[in-house]
Amino acid sequence: MGPMLRVIYRWKVDPDRFEEFREAWEAMTEAIRAQRLGARGSMLLRDPERPDEVMAIATWESRAHWEEAGKQPSCHPEAGQRMKAASQFLSGTPYEVVADLTV
């Protein structure tokens, strides 16, 4: 299937709507992990110096799994709409894992 994949997503989030965004992101991530083959979950990160800058690092078993999931309809359209209302999507960039020394 190929090497493990990490996808880095970036958003500008209205700081006043961060909790709404976070809750929607969690619902979306849980739905993707439950419904899409190869989805291994994600983590959400926020810049403490610029609270409107948010990124997520999603883990996929392979690029093929991620690409196939991208062809499917949304796992949670309502959560997607809430995320969109509270943020501006900037990018989603896939990276193959070539070494991982995390614990």
PDB file of N, CA and C in Angstrom:
ATOM      1  N   MET A   1       0.815  -1.207   0.000  1.00  0.00           N
ATOM      2  CA  MET A   1       0.000   0.000   0.000  1.00  0.00           C
ATOM      3  C   MET A   1       0.852   1.261   0.000  1.00  0.00           C
ATOM      4  N   GLY A   2       2.087   1.181   0.398  1.00  0.00           N
ATOM      5  CA  GLY A   2       2.927   2.371   0.442  1.00  0.00           C
ATOM      6  C   GLY A   2       3.179   2.817   1.871  1.00  0.00           C
ATOM      7  N   PRO A   3       4.032   3.836   2.017  1.00  0.00           N
ATOM      8  CA  PRO A   3       4.391   4.298   3.362  1.00  0.00           C
ATOM      9  C   PRO A   3       3.244   5.037   4.046  1.00  0.00           C
ATOM     10  N   MET A   4       3.335   5.104   5.361  1.00  0.00           N
ATOM     11  CA  MET A   4       2.387   5.875   6.168  1.00  0.00           C
ATOM     12  C   MET A   4       2.382   7.314   5.660  1.00  0.00           C
ATOM     13  N   LEU A   5       1.236   7.962   5.777  1.00  0.00           N
ATOM     14  CA  LEU A   5       1.081   9.332   5.296  1.00  0.00           C
ATOM     15  C   LEU A   5       0.613  10.223   6.443  1.00  0.00           C
ATOM     16  N   ARG A   6       1.145  11.427   6.496  1.00  0.00           N
ATOM     17  CA  ARG A   6       0.639  12.472   7.384  1.00  0.00           C
ATOM     18  C   ARG A   6       0.151  13.599   6.474  1.00  0.00           C
ATOM     19  N   VAL A   7      -1.001  14.151   6.802  1.00  0.00           N
ATOM     20  CA  VAL A   7      -1.522  15.276   6.030  1.00  0.00           C
ATOM     21  C   VAL A   7      -1.647  16.455   6.984  1.00  0.00           C
ATOM     22  N   ILE A   8      -1.024  17.560   6.600  1.00  0.00           N
ATOM     23  CA  ILE A   8      -1.070  18.763   7.426  1.00  0.00           C
ATOM     24  C   ILE A   8      -2.099  19.715   6.831  1.00  0.00           C
ATOM     25  N   TYR A   9      -3.128  19.995   7.630  1.00  0.00           N
ATOM     26  CA  TYR A   9      -4.184  20.917   7.237  1.00  0.00           C
ATOM     27  C   TYR A   9      -4.003  22.209   8.018  1.00  0.00           C
ATOM     28  N   ARG A  10      -4.258  23.339   7.368  1.00  0.00           N
ATOM     29  CA  ARG A  10      -4.126  24.640   8.020  1.00  0.00           C
ATOM     30  C   ARG A  10      -5.391  25.471   7.808  1.00  0.00           C
ATOM     31  N   TRP A  11      -5.764  26.204   8.858  1.00  0.00           N
ATOM     32  CA  TRP A  11      -6.918  27.109   8.814  1.00  0.00           C
ATOM     33  C   TRP A  11      -6.585  28.409   9.532  1.00  0.00           C
ATOM     34  N   LYS A  12      -7.306  29.459   9.163  1.00  0.00           N
ATOM     35  CA  LYS A  12      -7.419  30.677   9.969  1.00  0.00           C
ATOM     36  C   LYS A  12      -8.770  30.559  10.640  1.00  0.00           C
ATOM     37  N   VAL A  13      -8.780  30.565  11.962  1.00  0.00           N
ATOM     38  CA  VAL A  13     -10.018  30.376  12.717  1.00  0.00           C
ATOM     39  C   VAL A  13     -10.332  31.659  13.489  1.00  0.00           C
ATOM     40  N   ASP A  14     -11.573  32.076  13.421  1.00  0.00           N
ATOM     41  CA  ASP A  14     -12.031  33.214  14.213  1.00  0.00           C
ATOM     42  C   ASP A  14     -11.823  32.837  15.678  1.00  0.00           C
ATOM     43  N   PRO A  15     -10.952  33.551  16.413  1.00  0.00           N
ATOM     44  CA  PRO A  15     -10.685  33.184  17.811  1.00  0.00           C
ATOM     45  C   PRO A  15     -11.949  33.127  18.673  1.00  0.00           C
ATOM     46  N   ASP A  16     -12.933  33.944  18.355  1.00  0.00           N
ATOM     47  CA  ASP A  16     -14.187  33.923  19.117  1.00  0.00           C
ATOM     48  C   ASP A  16     -15.011  32.669  18.832  1.00  0.00           C
ATOM     49  N   ARG A  17     -14.669  31.966  17.758  1.00  0.00           N
ATOM     50  CA  ARG A  17     -15.417  30.761  17.379  1.00  0.00           C
ATOM     51  C   ARG A  17     -14.557  29.505  17.468  1.00  0.00           C
ATOM     52  N   PHE A  18     -13.414  29.621  18.161  1.00  0.00           N
ATOM     53  CA  PHE A  18     -12.495  28.487  18.217  1.00  0.00           C
ATOM     54  C   PHE A  18     -13.150  27.237  18.801  1.00  0.00           C
ATOM     55  N   GLU A  19     -13.885  27.374  19.913  1.00  0.00           N
ATOM     56  CA  GLU A  19     -14.497  26.190  20.530  1.00  0.00           C
ATOM     57  C   GLU A  19     -15.497  25.532  19.586  1.00  0.00           C
ATOM     58  N   GLU A  20     -16.247  26.330  18.857  1.00  0.00           N
ATOM     59  CA  GLU A  20     -17.176  25.784  17.852  1.00  0.00           C
ATOM     60  C   GLU A  20     -16.395  25.003  16.789  1.00  0.00           C
ATOM     61  N   PHE A  21     -15.287  25.595  16.315  1.00  0.00           N
ATOM     62  CA  PHE A  21     -14.445  24.923  15.317  1.00  0.00           C
ATOM     63  C   PHE A  21     -13.889  23.621  15.884  1.00  0.00           C
ATOM     64  N   ARG A  22     -13.340  23.689  17.113  1.00  0.00           N
ATOM     65  CA  ARG A  22     -12.724  22.500  17.720  1.00  0.00           C
ATOM     66  C   ARG A  22     -13.730  21.369  17.878  1.00  0.00           C
ATOM     67  N   GLU A  23     -14.920  21.682  18.353  1.00  0.00           N
ATOM     68  CA  GLU A  23     -15.949  20.656  18.525  1.00  0.00           C
ATOM     69  C   GLU A  23     -16.341  20.038  17.179  1.00  0.00           C
ATOM     70  N   ALA A  24     -16.472  20.870  16.161  1.00  0.00           N
ATOM     71  CA  ALA A  24     -16.821  20.356  14.826  1.00  0.00           C
ATOM     72  C   ALA A  24     -15.674  19.519  14.267  1.00  0.00           C
ATOM     73  N   TRP A  25     -14.426  19.982  14.456  1.00  0.00           N
ATOM     74  CA  TRP A  25     -13.263  19.231  13.988  1.00  0.00           C
ATOM     75  C   TRP A  25     -13.217  17.859  14.663  1.00  0.00           C
ATOM     76  N   GLU A  26     -13.482  17.810  15.972  1.00  0.00           N
ATOM     77  CA  GLU A  26     -13.475  16.529  16.675  1.00  0.00           C
ATOM     78  C   GLU A  26     -14.544  15.593  16.123  1.00  0.00           C
ATOM     79  N   ALA A  27     -15.747  16.109  15.889  1.00  0.00           N
ATOM     80  CA  ALA A  27     -16.821  15.279  15.341  1.00  0.00           C
ATOM     81  C   ALA A  27     -16.446  14.764  13.953  1.00  0.00           C
ATOM     82  N   MET A  28     -15.876  15.635  13.132  1.00  0.00           N
ATOM     83  CA  MET A  28     -15.469  15.236  11.774  1.00  0.00           C
ATOM     84  C   MET A  28     -14.365  14.188  11.835  1.00  0.00           C
ATOM     85  N   THR A  29     -13.371  14.412  12.679  1.00  0.00           N
ATOM     86  CA  THR A  29     -12.244  13.479  12.779  1.00  0.00           C
ATOM     87  C   THR A  29     -12.705  12.110  13.272  1.00  0.00           C
ATOM     88  N   GLU A  30     -13.575  12.096  14.269  1.00  0.00           N
ATOM     89  CA  GLU A  30     -14.089  10.817  14.769  1.00  0.00           C
ATOM     90  C   GLU A  30     -14.887  10.085  13.692  1.00  0.00           C
ATOM     91  N   ALA A  31     -15.664  10.825  12.902  1.00  0.00           N
ATOM     92  CA  ALA A  31     -16.438  10.200  11.821  1.00  0.00           C
ATOM     93  C   ALA A  31     -15.519   9.636  10.753  1.00  0.00           C
ATOM     94  N   ILE A  32     -14.496  10.380  10.375  1.00  0.00           N
ATOM     95  CA  ILE A  32     -13.547   9.897   9.355  1.00  0.00           C
ATOM     96  C   ILE A  32     -12.845   8.643   9.862  1.00  0.00           C
ATOM     97  N   ARG A  33     -12.366   8.686  11.099  1.00  0.00           N
ATOM     98  CA  ARG A  33     -11.645   7.524  11.662  1.00  0.00           C
ATOM     99  C   ARG A  33     -12.539   6.286  11.694  1.00  0.00           C
ATOM    100  N   ALA A  34     -13.819   6.475  11.986  1.00  0.00           N
ATOM    101  CA  ALA A  34     -14.748   5.347  12.076  1.00  0.00           C
ATOM    102  C   ALA A  34     -15.198   4.839  10.702  1.00  0.00           C
ATOM    103  N   GLN A  35     -15.254   5.721   9.721  1.00  0.00           N
ATOM    104  CA  GLN A  35     -15.899   5.367   8.450  1.00  0.00           C
ATOM    105  C   GLN A  35     -14.959   5.209   7.259  1.00  0.00           C
ATOM    106  N   ARG A  36     -13.723   5.631   7.364  1.00  0.00           N
ATOM    107  CA  ARG A  36     -12.820   5.577   6.215  1.00  0.00           C
ATOM    108  C   ARG A  36     -11.658   4.634   6.478  1.00  0.00           C
ATOM    109  N   LEU A  37     -11.535   3.652   5.610  1.00  0.00           N
ATOM    110  CA  LEU A  37     -10.462   2.671   5.692  1.00  0.00           C
ATOM    111  C   LEU A  37      -9.109   3.378   5.651  1.00  0.00           C
ATOM    112  N   GLY A  38      -8.230   3.046   6.573  1.00  0.00           N
ATOM    113  CA  GLY A  38      -6.888   3.604   6.596  1.00  0.00           C
ATOM    114  C   GLY A  38      -6.740   4.880   7.404  1.00  0.00           C
ATOM    115  N   ALA A  39      -7.845   5.456   7.862  1.00  0.00           N
ATOM    116  CA  ALA A  39      -7.766   6.675   8.676  1.00  0.00           C
ATOM    117  C   ALA A  39      -7.333   6.315  10.087  1.00  0.00           C
ATOM    118  N   ARG A  40      -6.296   6.978  10.570  1.00  0.00           N
ATOM    119  CA  ARG A  40      -5.742   6.661  11.887  1.00  0.00           C
ATOM    120  C   ARG A  40      -5.914   7.783  12.896  1.00  0.00           C
ATOM    121  N   GLY A  41      -6.686   8.821  12.541  1.00  0.00           N
ATOM    122  CA  GLY A  41      -6.924   9.911  13.480  1.00  0.00           C
ATOM    123  C   GLY A  41      -6.078  11.124  13.175  1.00  0.00           C
ATOM    124  N   SER A  42      -6.195  12.112  14.030  1.00  0.00           N
ATOM    125  CA  SER A  42      -5.549  13.396  13.799  1.00  0.00           C
ATOM    126  C   SER A  42      -5.336  14.111  15.122  1.00  0.00           C
ATOM    127  N   MET A  43      -4.475  15.118  15.109  1.00  0.00           N
ATOM    128  CA  MET A  43      -4.295  15.992  16.269  1.00  0.00           C
ATOM    129  C   MET A  43      -4.471  17.426  15.806  1.00  0.00           C
ATOM    130  N   LEU A  44      -5.032  18.242  16.684  1.00  0.00           N
ATOM    131  CA  LEU A  44      -5.276  19.650  16.384  1.00  0.00           C
ATOM    132  C   LEU A  44      -4.295  20.497  17.179  1.00  0.00           C
ATOM    133  N   LEU A  45      -3.647  21.433  16.503  1.00  0.00           N
ATOM    134  CA  LEU A  45      -2.645  22.298  17.117  1.00  0.00           C
ATOM    135  C   LEU A  45      -3.026  23.756  16.888  1.00  0.00           C
ATOM    136  N   ARG A  46      -2.728  24.583  17.896  1.00  0.00           N
ATOM    137  CA  ARG A  46      -3.045  26.010  17.805  1.00  0.00           C
ATOM    138  C   ARG A  46      -1.818  26.810  18.216  1.00  0.00           C
ATOM    139  N   ASP A  47      -1.499  27.843  17.446  1.00  0.00           N
ATOM    140  CA  ASP A  47      -0.361  28.705  17.747  1.00  0.00           C
ATOM    141  C   ASP A  47      -0.702  29.581  18.952  1.00  0.00           C
ATOM    142  N   PRO A  48       0.027  29.451  20.075  1.00  0.00           N
ATOM    143  CA  PRO A  48      -0.310  30.243  21.260  1.00  0.00           C
ATOM    144  C   PRO A  48      -0.072  31.746  21.067  1.00  0.00           C
ATOM    145  N   GLU A  49       0.805  32.105  20.140  1.00  0.00           N
ATOM    146  CA  GLU A  49       1.082  33.519  19.871  1.00  0.00           C
ATOM    147  C   GLU A  49       0.067  34.124  18.903  1.00  0.00           C
ATOM    148  N   ARG A  50      -0.525  33.279  18.051  1.00  0.00           N
ATOM    149  CA  ARG A  50      -1.518  33.730  17.069  1.00  0.00           C
ATOM    150  C   ARG A  50      -2.685  32.747  17.111  1.00  0.00           C
ATOM    151  N   PRO A  51      -3.629  32.971  18.016  1.00  0.00           N
ATOM    152  CA  PRO A  51      -4.698  31.993  18.241  1.00  0.00           C
ATOM    153  C   PRO A  51      -5.631  31.776  17.057  1.00  0.00           C
ATOM    154  N   ASP A  52      -5.467  32.558  15.987  1.00  0.00           N
ATOM    155  CA  ASP A  52      -6.280  32.306  14.795  1.00  0.00           C
ATOM    156  C   ASP A  52      -5.607  31.309  13.857  1.00  0.00           C
ATOM    157  N   GLU A  53      -4.366  30.902  14.152  1.00  0.00           N
ATOM    158  CA  GLU A  53      -3.650  29.948  13.302  1.00  0.00           C
ATOM    159  C   GLU A  53      -3.751  28.542  13.895  1.00  0.00           C
ATOM    160  N   VAL A  54      -4.380  27.666  13.131  1.00  0.00           N
ATOM    161  CA  VAL A  54      -4.660  26.307  13.587  1.00  0.00           C
ATOM    162  C   VAL A  54      -4.197  25.326  12.514  1.00  0.00           C
ATOM    163  N   MET A  55      -3.652  24.211  12.968  1.00  0.00           N
ATOM    164  CA  MET A  55      -3.311  23.142  12.033  1.00  0.00           C
ATOM    165  C   MET A  55      -3.696  21.798  12.632  1.00  0.00           C
ATOM    166  N   ALA A  56      -3.941  20.855  11.752  1.00  0.00           N
ATOM    167  CA  ALA A  56      -4.199  19.478  12.163  1.00  0.00           C
ATOM    168  C   ALA A  56      -3.213  18.592  11.422  1.00  0.00           C
ATOM    169  N   ILE A  57      -2.756  17.559  12.093  1.00  0.00           N
ATOM    170  CA  ILE A  57      -1.885  16.568  11.467  1.00  0.00           C
ATOM    171  C   ILE A  57      -2.627  15.244  11.508  1.00  0.00           C
ATOM    172  N   ALA A  58      -3.080  14.817  10.348  1.00  0.00           N
ATOM    173  CA  ALA A  58      -3.843  13.576  10.219  1.00  0.00           C
ATOM    174  C   ALA A  58      -2.912  12.443   9.803  1.00  0.00           C
ATOM    175  N   THR A  59      -3.191  11.258  10.308  1.00  0.00           N
ATOM    176  CA  THR A  59      -2.400  10.077   9.983  1.00  0.00           C
ATOM    177  C   THR A  59      -3.241   9.112   9.159  1.00  0.00           C
ATOM    178  N   TRP A  60      -2.669   8.660   8.059  1.00  0.00           N
ATOM    179  CA  TRP A  60      -3.304   7.680   7.176  1.00  0.00           C
ATOM    180  C   TRP A  60      -2.355   6.517   6.960  1.00  0.00           C
ATOM    181  N   GLU A  61      -2.907   5.327   6.807  1.00  0.00           N
ATOM    182  CA  GLU A  61      -2.073   4.146   6.579  1.00  0.00           C
ATOM    183  C   GLU A  61      -1.298   4.241   5.272  1.00  0.00           C
ATOM    184  N   SER A  62      -1.850   4.949   4.286  1.00  0.00           N
ATOM    185  CA  SER A  62      -1.151   5.122   3.011  1.00  0.00           C
ATOM    186  C   SER A  62      -1.777   6.275   2.233  1.00  0.00           C
ATOM    187  N   ARG A  63      -1.060   6.744   1.239  1.00  0.00           N
ATOM    188  CA  ARG A  63      -1.592   7.782   0.353  1.00  0.00           C
ATOM    189  C   ARG A  63      -2.822   7.260  -0.386  1.00  0.00           C
ATOM    190  N   ALA A  64      -2.811   5.993  -0.769  1.00  0.00           N
ATOM    191  CA  ALA A  64      -3.954   5.398  -1.475  1.00  0.00           C
ATOM    192  C   ALA A  64      -5.218   5.467  -0.620  1.00  0.00           C
ATOM    193  N   HIS A  65      -5.102   5.183   0.678  1.00  0.00           N
ATOM    194  CA  HIS A  65      -6.256   5.283   1.574  1.00  0.00           C
ATOM    195  C   HIS A  65      -6.773   6.724   1.629  1.00  0.00           C
ATOM    196  N   TRP A  66      -5.873   7.692   1.770  1.00  0.00           N
ATOM    197  CA  TRP A  66      -6.250   9.100   1.843  1.00  0.00           C
ATOM    198  C   TRP A  66      -6.923   9.554   0.546  1.00  0.00           C
ATOM    199  N   GLU A  67      -6.339   9.165  -0.583  1.00  0.00           N
ATOM    200  CA  GLU A  67      -6.917   9.557  -1.873  1.00  0.00           C
ATOM    201  C   GLU A  67      -8.298   8.938  -2.067  1.00  0.00           C
ATOM    202  N   GLU A  68      -8.465   7.684  -1.695  1.00  0.00           N
ATOM    203  CA  GLU A  68      -9.776   7.028  -1.825  1.00  0.00           C
ATOM    204  C   GLU A  68     -10.802   7.715  -0.926  1.00  0.00           C
ATOM    205  N   ALA A  69     -10.408   8.069   0.291  1.00  0.00           N
ATOM    206  CA  ALA A  69     -11.327   8.755   1.197  1.00  0.00           C
ATOM    207  C   ALA A  69     -11.759  10.100   0.614  1.00  0.00           C
ATOM    208  N   GLY A  70     -10.848  10.770  -0.078  1.00  0.00           N
ATOM    209  CA  GLY A  70     -11.157  12.064  -0.675  1.00  0.00           C
ATOM    210  C   GLY A  70     -12.183  11.993  -1.787  1.00  0.00           C
ATOM    211  N   LYS A  71     -12.378  10.821  -2.352  1.00  0.00           N
ATOM    212  CA  LYS A  71     -13.364  10.630  -3.430  1.00  0.00           C
ATOM    213  C   LYS A  71     -14.771  10.388  -2.890  1.00  0.00           C
ATOM    214  N   GLN A  72     -14.865  10.139  -1.590  1.00  0.00           N
ATOM    215  CA  GLN A  72     -16.146   9.790  -0.972  1.00  0.00           C
ATOM    216  C   GLN A  72     -16.873  11.046  -0.493  1.00  0.00           C
ATOM    217  N   PRO A  73     -18.203  10.957  -0.330  1.00  0.00           N
ATOM    218  CA  PRO A  73     -18.931  12.088   0.259  1.00  0.00           C
ATOM    219  C   PRO A  73     -18.497  12.311   1.706  1.00  0.00           C
ATOM    220  N   SER A  74     -18.759  13.490   2.209  1.00  0.00           N
ATOM    221  CA  SER A  74     -18.379  13.840   3.581  1.00  0.00           C
ATOM    222  C   SER A  74     -18.931  12.829   4.577  1.00  0.00           C
ATOM    223  N   CYS A  75     -18.118  12.493   5.565  1.00  0.00           N
ATOM    224  CA  CYS A  75     -18.548  11.597   6.646  1.00  0.00           C
ATOM    225  C   CYS A  75     -19.500  12.299   7.604  1.00  0.00           C
ATOM    226  N   HIS A  76     -19.418  13.622   7.658  1.00  0.00           N
ATOM    227  CA  HIS A  76     -20.208  14.383   8.635  1.00  0.00           C
ATOM    228  C   HIS A  76     -20.446  15.795   8.070  1.00  0.00           C
ATOM    229  N   PRO A  77     -21.388  15.945   7.128  1.00  0.00           N
ATOM    230  CA  PRO A  77     -21.604  17.241   6.476  1.00  0.00           C
ATOM    231  C   PRO A  77     -21.902  18.386   7.448  1.00  0.00           C
ATOM    232  N   GLU A  78     -22.641  18.109   8.510  1.00  0.00           N
ATOM    233  CA  GLU A  78     -22.998  19.162   9.463  1.00  0.00           C
ATOM    234  C   GLU A  78     -21.750  19.700  10.162  1.00  0.00           C
ATOM    235  N   ALA A  79     -20.850  18.821  10.568  1.00  0.00           N
ATOM    236  CA  ALA A  79     -19.602  19.264  11.197  1.00  0.00           C
ATOM    237  C   ALA A  79     -18.758  20.044  10.191  1.00  0.00           C
ATOM    238  N   GLY A  80     -18.741  19.609   8.963  1.00  0.00           N
ATOM    239  CA  GLY A  80     -18.003  20.325   7.921  1.00  0.00           C
ATOM    240  C   GLY A  80     -18.519  21.743   7.740  1.00  0.00           C
ATOM    241  N   GLN A  81     -19.830  21.905   7.767  1.00  0.00           N
ATOM    242  CA  GLN A  81     -20.414  23.240   7.638  1.00  0.00           C
ATOM    243  C   GLN A  81     -20.048  24.120   8.832  1.00  0.00           C
ATOM    244  N   ARG A  82     -20.046  23.547  10.028  1.00  0.00           N
ATOM    245  CA  ARG A  82     -19.677  24.325  11.220  1.00  0.00           C
ATOM    246  C   ARG A  82     -18.208  24.740  11.179  1.00  0.00           C
ATOM    247  N   MET A  83     -17.344  23.844  10.711  1.00  0.00           N
ATOM    248  CA  MET A  83     -15.930  24.197  10.574  1.00  0.00           C
ATOM    249  C   MET A  83     -15.765  25.332   9.572  1.00  0.00           C
ATOM    250  N   LYS A  84     -16.445  25.206   8.450  1.00  0.00           N
ATOM    251  CA  LYS A  84     -16.355  26.211   7.389  1.00  0.00           C
ATOM    252  C   LYS A  84     -16.850  27.574   7.864  1.00  0.00           C
ATOM    253  N   ALA A  85     -17.909  27.591   8.664  1.00  0.00           N
ATOM    254  CA  ALA A  85     -18.482  28.850   9.156  1.00  0.00           C
ATOM    255  C   ALA A  85     -17.546  29.561  10.130  1.00  0.00           C
ATOM    256  N   ALA A  86     -16.699  28.800  10.829  1.00  0.00           N
ATOM    257  CA  ALA A  86     -15.839  29.379  11.859  1.00  0.00           C
ATOM    258  C   ALA A  86     -14.407  29.617  11.388  1.00  0.00           C
ATOM    259  N   SER A  87     -14.118  29.273  10.123  1.00  0.00           N
ATOM    260  CA  SER A  87     -12.722  29.329   9.692  1.00  0.00           C
ATOM    261  C   SER A  87     -12.597  29.589   8.193  1.00  0.00           C
ATOM    262  N   GLN A  88     -11.344  29.824   7.805  1.00  0.00           N
ATOM    263  CA  GLN A  88     -10.978  29.872   6.389  1.00  0.00           C
ATOM    264  C   GLN A  88      -9.952  28.770   6.166  1.00  0.00           C
ATOM    265  N   PHE A  89     -10.272  27.812   5.304  1.00  0.00           N
ATOM    266  CA  PHE A  89      -9.343  26.720   5.010  1.00  0.00           C
ATOM    267  C   PHE A  89      -8.197  27.271   4.175  1.00  0.00           C
ATOM    268  N   LEU A  90      -6.959  26.975   4.585  1.00  0.00           N
ATOM    269  CA  LEU A  90      -5.786  27.476   3.868  1.00  0.00           C
ATOM    270  C   LEU A  90      -5.120  26.411   3.007  1.00  0.00           C
ATOM    271  N   SER A  91      -4.932  25.214   3.565  1.00  0.00           N
ATOM    272  CA  SER A  91      -4.227  24.187   2.796  1.00  0.00           C
ATOM    273  C   SER A  91      -4.352  22.818   3.432  1.00  0.00           C
ATOM    274  N   GLY A  92      -4.115  21.811   2.618  1.00  0.00           N
ATOM    275  CA  GLY A  92      -4.029  20.431   3.058  1.00  0.00           C
ATOM    276  C   GLY A  92      -2.919  19.773   2.248  1.00  0.00           C
ATOM    277  N   THR A  93      -1.801  19.467   2.903  1.00  0.00           N
ATOM    278  CA  THR A  93      -0.626  18.973   2.192  1.00  0.00           C
ATOM    279  C   THR A  93      -0.225  17.599   2.714  1.00  0.00           C
ATOM    280  N   PRO A  94      -0.142  16.600   1.817  1.00  0.00           N
ATOM    281  CA  PRO A  94       0.265  15.255   2.248  1.00  0.00           C
ATOM    282  C   PRO A  94       1.792  15.112   2.271  1.00  0.00           C
ATOM    283  N   TYR A  95       2.277  14.376   3.286  1.00  0.00           N
ATOM    284  CA  TYR A  95       3.698  14.074   3.421  1.00  0.00           C
ATOM    285  C   TYR A  95       3.853  12.592   3.718  1.00  0.00           C
ATOM    286  N   GLU A  96       4.728  11.911   2.980  1.00  0.00           N
ATOM    287  CA  GLU A  96       5.041  10.527   3.294  1.00  0.00           C
ATOM    288  C   GLU A  96       5.960  10.489   4.501  1.00  0.00           C
ATOM    289  N   VAL A  97       5.705   9.565   5.406  1.00  0.00           N
ATOM    290  CA  VAL A  97       6.564   9.403   6.581  1.00  0.00           C
ATOM    291  C   VAL A  97       7.794   8.609   6.168  1.00  0.00           C
ATOM    292  N   VAL A  98       8.952   9.239   6.292  1.00  0.00           N
ATOM    293  CA  VAL A  98      10.208   8.549   5.940  1.00  0.00           C
ATOM    294  C   VAL A  98      10.982   8.128   7.192  1.00  0.00           C
ATOM    295  N   ALA A  99      10.652   8.737   8.328  1.00  0.00           N
ATOM    296  CA  ALA A  99      11.235   8.349   9.622  1.00  0.00           C
ATOM    297  C   ALA A  99      10.317   8.900  10.694  1.00  0.00           C
ATOM    298  N   ASP A 100      10.151   8.145  11.772  1.00  0.00           N
ATOM    299  CA  ASP A 100       9.280   8.581  12.862  1.00  0.00           C
ATOM    300  C   ASP A 100       9.901   8.129  14.174  1.00  0.00           C
ATOM    301  N   LEU A 101      10.408   9.074  14.949  1.00  0.00           N
ATOM    302  CA  LEU A 101      11.033   8.761  16.218  1.00  0.00           C
ATOM    303  C   LEU A 101      10.169   9.210  17.393  1.00  0.00           C
ATOM    304  N   THR A 102       8.866   9.449  17.124  1.00  0.00           N
ATOM    305  CA  THR A 102       7.972   9.806  18.233  1.00  0.00           C
ATOM    306  C   THR A 102       7.688   8.574  19.071  1.00  0.00           C
ATOM    307  N   VAL A 103       7.267   8.818  20.290  1.00  0.00           N
ATOM    308  CA  VAL A 103       6.965   7.710  21.209  1.00  0.00           C
ATOM    309  C   VAL A 103       5.472   7.438  21.181  1.00  0.00           C
TER     310      VAL A 103
END
